PDB file of N, CA and C in Angstrom:
ATOM      1  N   MET A   1     176.919 207.664  63.203  1.00  0.00           N
ATOM      2  CA  MET A   1     177.962 207.001  63.945  1.00  0.00           C
ATOM      3  C   MET A   1     177.350 206.364  65.197  1.00  0.00           C
ATOM      4  N   THR A   2     177.680 205.128  65.443  1.00  0.00           N
ATOM      5  CA  THR A   2     177.190 204.450  66.642  1.00  0.00           C
ATOM      6  C   THR A   2     178.293 204.427  67.697  1.00  0.00           C
ATOM      7  N   THR A   3     177.846 204.455  68.918  1.00  0.00           N
ATOM      8  CA  THR A   3     178.793 204.417  70.021  1.00  0.00           C
ATOM      9  C   THR A   3     178.709 203.060  70.689  1.00  0.00           C
ATOM     10  N   ALA A   4     179.840 202.403  70.820  1.00  0.00           N
ATOM     11  CA  ALA A   4     179.881 201.098  71.473  1.00  0.00           C
ATOM     12  C   ALA A   4     179.969 201.307  72.982  1.00  0.00           C
ATOM     13  N   VAL A   5     179.201 200.530  73.695  1.00  0.00           N
ATOM     14  CA  VAL A   5     179.258 200.569  75.148  1.00  0.00           C
ATOM     15  C   VAL A   5     180.041 199.354  75.608  1.00  0.00           C
ATOM     16  N   ILE A   6     181.105 199.613  76.299  1.00  0.00           N
ATOM     17  CA  ILE A   6     181.935 198.522  76.803  1.00  0.00           C
ATOM     18  C   ILE A   6     181.512 198.239  78.234  1.00  0.00           C
ATOM     19  N   GLU A   7     181.069 197.029  78.451  1.00  0.00           N
ATOM     20  CA  GLU A   7     180.671 196.622  79.794  1.00  0.00           C
ATOM     21  C   GLU A   7     181.869 196.039  80.512  1.00  0.00           C
ATOM     22  N   ARG A   8     181.882 196.234  81.821  1.00  0.00           N
ATOM     23  CA  ARG A   8     182.977 195.687  82.617  1.00  0.00           C
ATOM     24  C   ARG A   8     182.935 194.173  82.582  1.00  0.00           C
ATOM     25  N   LYS A   9     184.079 193.591  82.361  1.00  0.00           N
ATOM     26  CA  LYS A   9     184.188 192.128  82.320  1.00  0.00           C
ATOM     27  C   LYS A   9     184.623 191.571  83.658  1.00  0.00           C
ATOM     28  N   TRP A  10     185.360 192.367  84.430  1.00  0.00           N
ATOM     29  CA  TRP A  10     185.910 191.923  85.704  1.00  0.00           C
ATOM     30  C   TRP A  10     185.553 192.927  86.787  1.00  0.00           C
ATOM     31  N   HIS A  11     185.445 192.428  87.999  1.00  0.00           N
ATOM     32  CA  HIS A  11     185.244 193.292  89.153  1.00  0.00           C
ATOM     33  C   HIS A  11     186.402 193.098  90.116  1.00  0.00           C
ATOM     34  N   THR A  12     186.723 194.161  90.853  1.00  0.00           N
ATOM     35  CA  THR A  12     187.711 194.046  91.913  1.00  0.00           C
ATOM     36  C   THR A  12     187.020 193.509  93.163  1.00  0.00           C
ATOM     37  N   THR A  13     187.816 193.087  94.124  1.00  0.00           N
ATOM     38  CA  THR A  13     187.256 192.612  95.386  1.00  0.00           C
ATOM     39  C   THR A  13     186.468 193.725  96.069  1.00  0.00           C
ATOM     40  N   ALA A  14     186.971 194.947  96.009  1.00  0.00           N
ATOM     41  CA  ALA A  14     186.279 196.085  96.621  1.00  0.00           C
ATOM     42  C   ALA A  14     184.930 196.345  95.947  1.00  0.00           C
ATOM     43  N   GLU A  15     184.874 196.210  94.626  1.00  0.00           N
ATOM     44  CA  GLU A  15     183.613 196.411  93.912  1.00  0.00           C
ATOM     45  C   GLU A  15     182.602 195.332  94.293  1.00  0.00           C
ATOM     46  N   VAL A  16     183.070 194.101  94.418  1.00  0.00           N
ATOM     47  CA  VAL A  16     182.171 193.006  94.808  1.00  0.00           C
ATOM     48  C   VAL A  16     181.664 193.218  96.235  1.00  0.00           C
ATOM     49  N   ALA A  17     182.541 193.669  97.120  1.00  0.00           N
ATOM     50  CA  ALA A  17     182.127 193.948  98.494  1.00  0.00           C
ATOM     51  C   ALA A  17     181.010 194.984  98.489  1.00  0.00           C
ATOM     52  N   ASP A  18     181.160 196.017  97.697  1.00  0.00           N
ATOM     53  CA  ASP A  18     180.144 197.061  97.608  1.00  0.00           C
ATOM     54  C   ASP A  18     178.838 196.515  97.035  1.00  0.00           C
ATOM     55  N   MET A  19     178.937 195.697  95.991  1.00  0.00           N
ATOM     56  CA  MET A  19     177.735 195.117  95.367  1.00  0.00           C
ATOM     57  C   MET A  19     176.955 194.256  96.348  1.00  0.00           C
ATOM     58  N   LEU A  20     177.687 193.479  97.162  1.00  0.00           N
ATOM     59  CA  LEU A  20     177.041 192.553  98.089  1.00  0.00           C
ATOM     60  C   LEU A  20     176.657 193.208  99.411  1.00  0.00           C
ATOM     61  N   GLY A  21     177.162 194.406  99.652  1.00  0.00           N
ATOM     62  CA  GLY A  21     176.895 195.070 100.915  1.00  0.00           C
ATOM     63  C   GLY A  21     177.717 194.488 102.057  1.00  0.00           C
ATOM     64  N   PHE A  22     178.852 193.899 101.721  1.00  0.00           N
ATOM     65  CA  PHE A  22     179.758 193.302 102.695  1.00  0.00           C
ATOM     66  C   PHE A  22     180.949 194.226 102.897  1.00  0.00           C
ATOM     67  N   GLY A  23     181.668 194.003 103.988  1.00  0.00           N
ATOM     68  CA  GLY A  23     182.930 194.693 104.183  1.00  0.00           C
ATOM     69  C   GLY A  23     183.995 194.081 103.299  1.00  0.00           C
ATOM     70  N   LEU A  24     185.058 194.845 103.100  1.00  0.00           N
ATOM     71  CA  LEU A  24     186.146 194.361 102.255  1.00  0.00           C
ATOM     72  C   LEU A  24     186.811 193.133 102.859  1.00  0.00           C
ATOM     73  N   SER A  25     186.984 193.113 104.187  1.00  0.00           N
ATOM     74  CA  SER A  25     187.624 191.962 104.835  1.00  0.00           C
ATOM     75  C   SER A  25     186.820 190.689 104.635  1.00  0.00           C
ATOM     76  N   LYS A  26     185.503 190.776 104.799  1.00  0.00           N
ATOM     77  CA  LYS A  26     184.645 189.597 104.611  1.00  0.00           C
ATOM     78  C   LYS A  26     184.726 189.110 103.168  1.00  0.00           C
ATOM     79  N   THR A  27     184.692 190.035 102.227  1.00  0.00           N
ATOM     80  CA  THR A  27     184.745 189.657 100.816  1.00  0.00           C
ATOM     81  C   THR A  27     186.084 189.023 100.471  1.00  0.00           C
ATOM     82  N   LYS A  28     187.158 189.572 101.002  1.00  0.00           N
ATOM     83  CA  LYS A  28     188.476 188.970 100.762  1.00  0.00           C
ATOM     84  C   LYS A  28     188.527 187.561 101.332  1.00  0.00           C
ATOM     85  N   MET A  29     187.915 187.344 102.483  1.00  0.00           N
ATOM     86  CA  MET A  29     187.896 186.007 103.079  1.00  0.00           C
ATOM     87  C   MET A  29     187.091 185.041 102.203  1.00  0.00           C
ATOM     88  N   LEU A  30     185.961 185.496 101.668  1.00  0.00           N
ATOM     89  CA  LEU A  30     185.157 184.655 100.773  1.00  0.00           C
ATOM     90  C   LEU A  30     185.961 184.272  99.530  1.00  0.00           C
ATOM     91  N   VAL A  31     186.764 185.200  99.034  1.00  0.00           N
ATOM     92  CA  VAL A  31     187.609 184.924  97.871  1.00  0.00           C
ATOM     93  C   VAL A  31     188.717 183.943  98.249  1.00  0.00           C
ATOM     94  N   LEU A  32     189.370 184.192  99.376  1.00  0.00           N
ATOM     95  CA  LEU A  32     190.486 183.328  99.789  1.00  0.00           C
ATOM     96  C   LEU A  32     190.044 181.896 100.084  1.00  0.00           C
ATOM     97  N   THR A  33     188.822 181.737 100.616  1.00  0.00           N
ATOM     98  CA  THR A  33     188.322 180.394 100.911  1.00  0.00           C
ATOM     99  C   THR A  33     187.695 179.724  99.691  1.00  0.00           C
ATOM    100  N   GLY A  34     187.575 180.472  98.595  1.00  0.00           N
ATOM    101  CA  GLY A  34     187.014 179.899  97.375  1.00  0.00           C
ATOM    102  C   GLY A  34     185.499 179.949  97.310  1.00  0.00           C
ATOM    103  N   GLU A  35     184.867 180.572  98.284  1.00  0.00           N
ATOM    104  CA  GLU A  35     183.400 180.675  98.232  1.00  0.00           C
ATOM    105  C   GLU A  35     182.958 181.570  97.083  1.00  0.00           C
ATOM    106  N   ILE A  36     183.780 182.561  96.766  1.00  0.00           N
ATOM    107  CA  ILE A  36     183.584 183.362  95.553  1.00  0.00           C
ATOM    108  C   ILE A  36     184.806 183.102  94.685  1.00  0.00           C
ATOM    109  N   ARG A  37     184.578 182.613  93.483  1.00  0.00           N
ATOM    110  CA  ARG A  37     185.688 182.315  92.583  1.00  0.00           C
ATOM    111  C   ARG A  37     186.368 183.600  92.129  1.00  0.00           C
ATOM    112  N   SER A  38     187.653 183.497  91.866  1.00  0.00           N
ATOM    113  CA  SER A  38     188.408 184.645  91.380  1.00  0.00           C
ATOM    114  C   SER A  38     189.640 184.150  90.637  1.00  0.00           C
ATOM    115  N   VAL A  39     190.269 185.060  89.930  1.00  0.00           N
ATOM    116  CA  VAL A  39     191.552 184.777  89.297  1.00  0.00           C
ATOM    117  C   VAL A  39     192.524 185.870  89.715  1.00  0.00           C
ATOM    118  N   LYS A  40     193.777 185.523  89.726  1.00  0.00           N
ATOM    119  CA  LYS A  40     194.796 186.497  90.057  1.00  0.00           C
ATOM    120  C   LYS A  40     195.365 187.046  88.759  1.00  0.00           C
ATOM    121  N   VAL A  41     195.320 188.351  88.625  1.00  0.00           N
ATOM    122  CA  VAL A  41     195.869 189.043  87.461  1.00  0.00           C
ATOM    123  C   VAL A  41     196.961 189.963  87.994  1.00  0.00           C
ATOM    124  N   GLY A  42     198.183 189.563  87.772  1.00  0.00           N
ATOM    125  CA  GLY A  42     199.290 190.303  88.376  1.00  0.00           C
ATOM    126  C   GLY A  42     199.228 190.142  89.882  1.00  0.00           C
ATOM    127  N   ARG A  43     199.168 191.249  90.601  1.00  0.00           N
ATOM    128  CA  ARG A  43     199.085 191.205  92.061  1.00  0.00           C
ATOM    129  C   ARG A  43     197.652 191.321  92.560  1.00  0.00           C
ATOM    130  N   ASN A  44     196.702 191.434  91.651  1.00  0.00           N
ATOM    131  CA  ASN A  44     195.316 191.699  92.028  1.00  0.00           C
ATOM    132  C   ASN A  44     194.388 190.531  91.736  1.00  0.00           C
ATOM    133  N   ARG A  45     193.308 190.459  92.484  1.00  0.00           N
ATOM    134  CA  ARG A  45     192.257 189.478  92.249  1.00  0.00           C
ATOM    135  C   ARG A  45     191.169 190.113  91.403  1.00  0.00           C
ATOM    136  N   ARG A  46     190.636 189.348  90.494  1.00  0.00           N
ATOM    137  CA  ARG A  46     189.526 189.809  89.654  1.00  0.00           C
ATOM    138  C   ARG A  46     188.434 188.758  89.691  1.00  0.00           C
ATOM    139  N   ILE A  47     187.196 189.227  89.632  1.00  0.00           N
ATOM    140  CA  ILE A  47     186.040 188.345  89.787  1.00  0.00           C
ATOM    141  C   ILE A  47     185.060 188.630  88.652  1.00  0.00           C
ATOM    142  N   LEU A  48     184.663 187.573  87.959  1.00  0.00           N
ATOM    143  CA  LEU A  48     183.672 187.721  86.893  1.00  0.00           C
ATOM    144  C   LEU A  48     182.292 187.988  87.498  1.00  0.00           C
ATOM    145  N   PRO A  49     181.471 188.792  86.839  1.00  0.00           N
ATOM    146  CA  PRO A  49     180.108 189.019  87.328  1.00  0.00           C
ATOM    147  C   PRO A  49     179.332 187.718  87.520  1.00  0.00           C
ATOM    148  N   ALA A  50     179.540 186.747  86.645  1.00  0.00           N
ATOM    149  CA  ALA A  50     178.844 185.458  86.758  1.00  0.00           C
ATOM    150  C   ALA A  50     179.223 184.748  88.046  1.00  0.00           C
ATOM    151  N   TRP A  51     180.457 184.928  88.513  1.00  0.00           N
ATOM    152  CA  TRP A  51     180.887 184.272  89.750  1.00  0.00           C
ATOM    153  C   TRP A  51     180.230 184.902  90.967  1.00  0.00           C
ATOM    154  N   VAL A  52     179.976 186.208  90.892  1.00  0.00           N
ATOM    155  CA  VAL A  52     179.228 186.872  91.971  1.00  0.00           C
ATOM    156  C   VAL A  52     177.804 186.322  91.987  1.00  0.00           C
ATOM    157  N   ASP A  53     177.201 186.202  90.807  1.00  0.00           N
ATOM    158  CA  ASP A  53     175.846 185.653  90.698  1.00  0.00           C
ATOM    159  C   ASP A  53     175.783 184.235  91.245  1.00  0.00           C
ATOM    160  N   GLU A  54     176.793 183.409  90.938  1.00  0.00           N
ATOM    161  CA  GLU A  54     176.838 182.032  91.456  1.00  0.00           C
ATOM    162  C   GLU A  54     176.834 182.021  92.977  1.00  0.00           C
ATOM    163  N   TYR A  55     177.624 182.888  93.576  1.00  0.00           N
ATOM    164  CA  TYR A  55     177.700 182.963  95.039  1.00  0.00           C
ATOM    165  C   TYR A  55     176.340 183.354  95.619  1.00  0.00           C
ATOM    166  N   VAL A  56     175.714 184.368  95.046  1.00  0.00           N
ATOM    167  CA  VAL A  56     174.413 184.828  95.543  1.00  0.00           C
ATOM    168  C   VAL A  56     173.360 183.729  95.393  1.00  0.00           C
ATOM    169  N   GLU A  57     173.350 183.060  94.252  1.00  0.00           N
ATOM    170  CA  GLU A  57     172.382 181.982  94.024  1.00  0.00           C
ATOM    171  C   GLU A  57     172.609 180.829  94.992  1.00  0.00           C
ATOM    172  N   ARG A  58     173.863 180.493  95.255  1.00  0.00           N
ATOM    173  CA  ARG A  58     174.184 179.423  96.202  1.00  0.00           C
ATOM    174  C   ARG A  58     173.722 179.795  97.612  1.00  0.00           C
ATOM    175  N   CYS A  59     173.961 181.031  98.016  1.00  0.00           N
ATOM    176  CA  CYS A  59     173.508 181.482  99.345  1.00  0.00           C
ATOM    177  C   CYS A  59     171.993 181.445  99.451  1.00  0.00           C
ATOM    178  N   ALA A  60     171.314 181.866  98.398  1.00  0.00           N
ATOM    179  CA  ALA A  60     169.854 181.858  98.396  1.00  0.00           C
ATOM    180  C   ALA A  60     169.317 180.432  98.455  1.00  0.00           C
ATOM    181  N   ALA A  61     169.945 179.516  97.721  1.00  0.00           N
ATOM    182  CA  ALA A  61     169.510 178.121  97.730  1.00  0.00           C
ATOM    183  C   ALA A  61     169.723 177.504  99.107  1.00  0.00           C
ATOM    184  N   GLU A  62     170.866 177.812  99.740  1.00  0.00           N
ATOM    185  CA  GLU A  62     171.125 177.276 101.086  1.00  0.00           C
ATOM    186  C   GLU A  62     170.118 177.829 102.091  1.00  0.00           C
ATOM    187  N   ALA A  63     169.774 179.088 101.966  1.00  0.00           N
ATOM    188  CA  ALA A  63     168.793 179.692 102.855  1.00  0.00           C
ATOM    189  C   ALA A  63     167.426 179.059 102.646  1.00  0.00           C
ATOM    190  N   GLU A  64     167.082 178.747 101.413  1.00  0.00           N
ATOM    191  CA  GLU A  64     165.807 178.108 101.106  1.00  0.00           C
ATOM    192  C   GLU A  64     165.766 176.687 101.674  1.00  0.00           C
ATOM    193  N   ASP A  65     166.885 175.965 101.527  1.00  0.00           N
ATOM    194  CA  ASP A  65     166.976 174.613 102.079  1.00  0.00           C
ATOM    195  C   ASP A  65     166.804 174.622 103.595  1.00  0.00           C
ATOM    196  N   MET A  66     167.439 175.585 104.253  1.00  0.00           N
ATOM    197  CA  MET A  66     167.343 175.695 105.704  1.00  0.00           C
ATOM    198  C   MET A  66     165.926 176.036 106.133  1.00  0.00           C
ATOM    199  N   ARG A  67     165.253 176.821 105.334  1.00  0.00           N
ATOM    200  CA  ARG A  67     163.873 177.224 105.634  1.00  0.00           C
ATOM    201  C   ARG A  67     162.951 176.004 105.629  1.00  0.00           C
ATOM    202  N   TRP A  68     163.149 175.125 104.669  1.00  0.00           N
ATOM    203  CA  TRP A  68     162.270 173.967 104.541  1.00  0.00           C
ATOM    204  C   TRP A  68     162.633 172.843 105.512  1.00  0.00           C
ATOM    205  N   SER A  69     163.894 172.812 105.970  1.00  0.00           N
ATOM    206  CA  SER A  69     164.294 171.744 106.873  1.00  0.00           C
ATOM    207  C   SER A  69     164.027 172.101 108.335  1.00  0.00           C
ATOM    208  N   ALA A  70     163.695 173.352 108.600  1.00  0.00           N
ATOM    209  CA  ALA A  70     163.443 173.785 109.994  1.00  0.00           C
ATOM    210  C   ALA A  70     162.047 173.467 110.451  1.00  0.00           C
TER     211      ALA A  70
END
């Protein structure tokens, strides 16, 4: 018998805050301003792992651009 491993498809705002090492308020602001994409499911916001990766990659690219322009 094989056991299927179900991976999480969505993250809560609190989980994303923990992953990024940010406070919950900062993460909620990033979601509200659209810097981190999210969808509303009922009364809650949910964030795909790929959207967290997009945010991190965008921040890293901006930091790299600033490094070379300084």
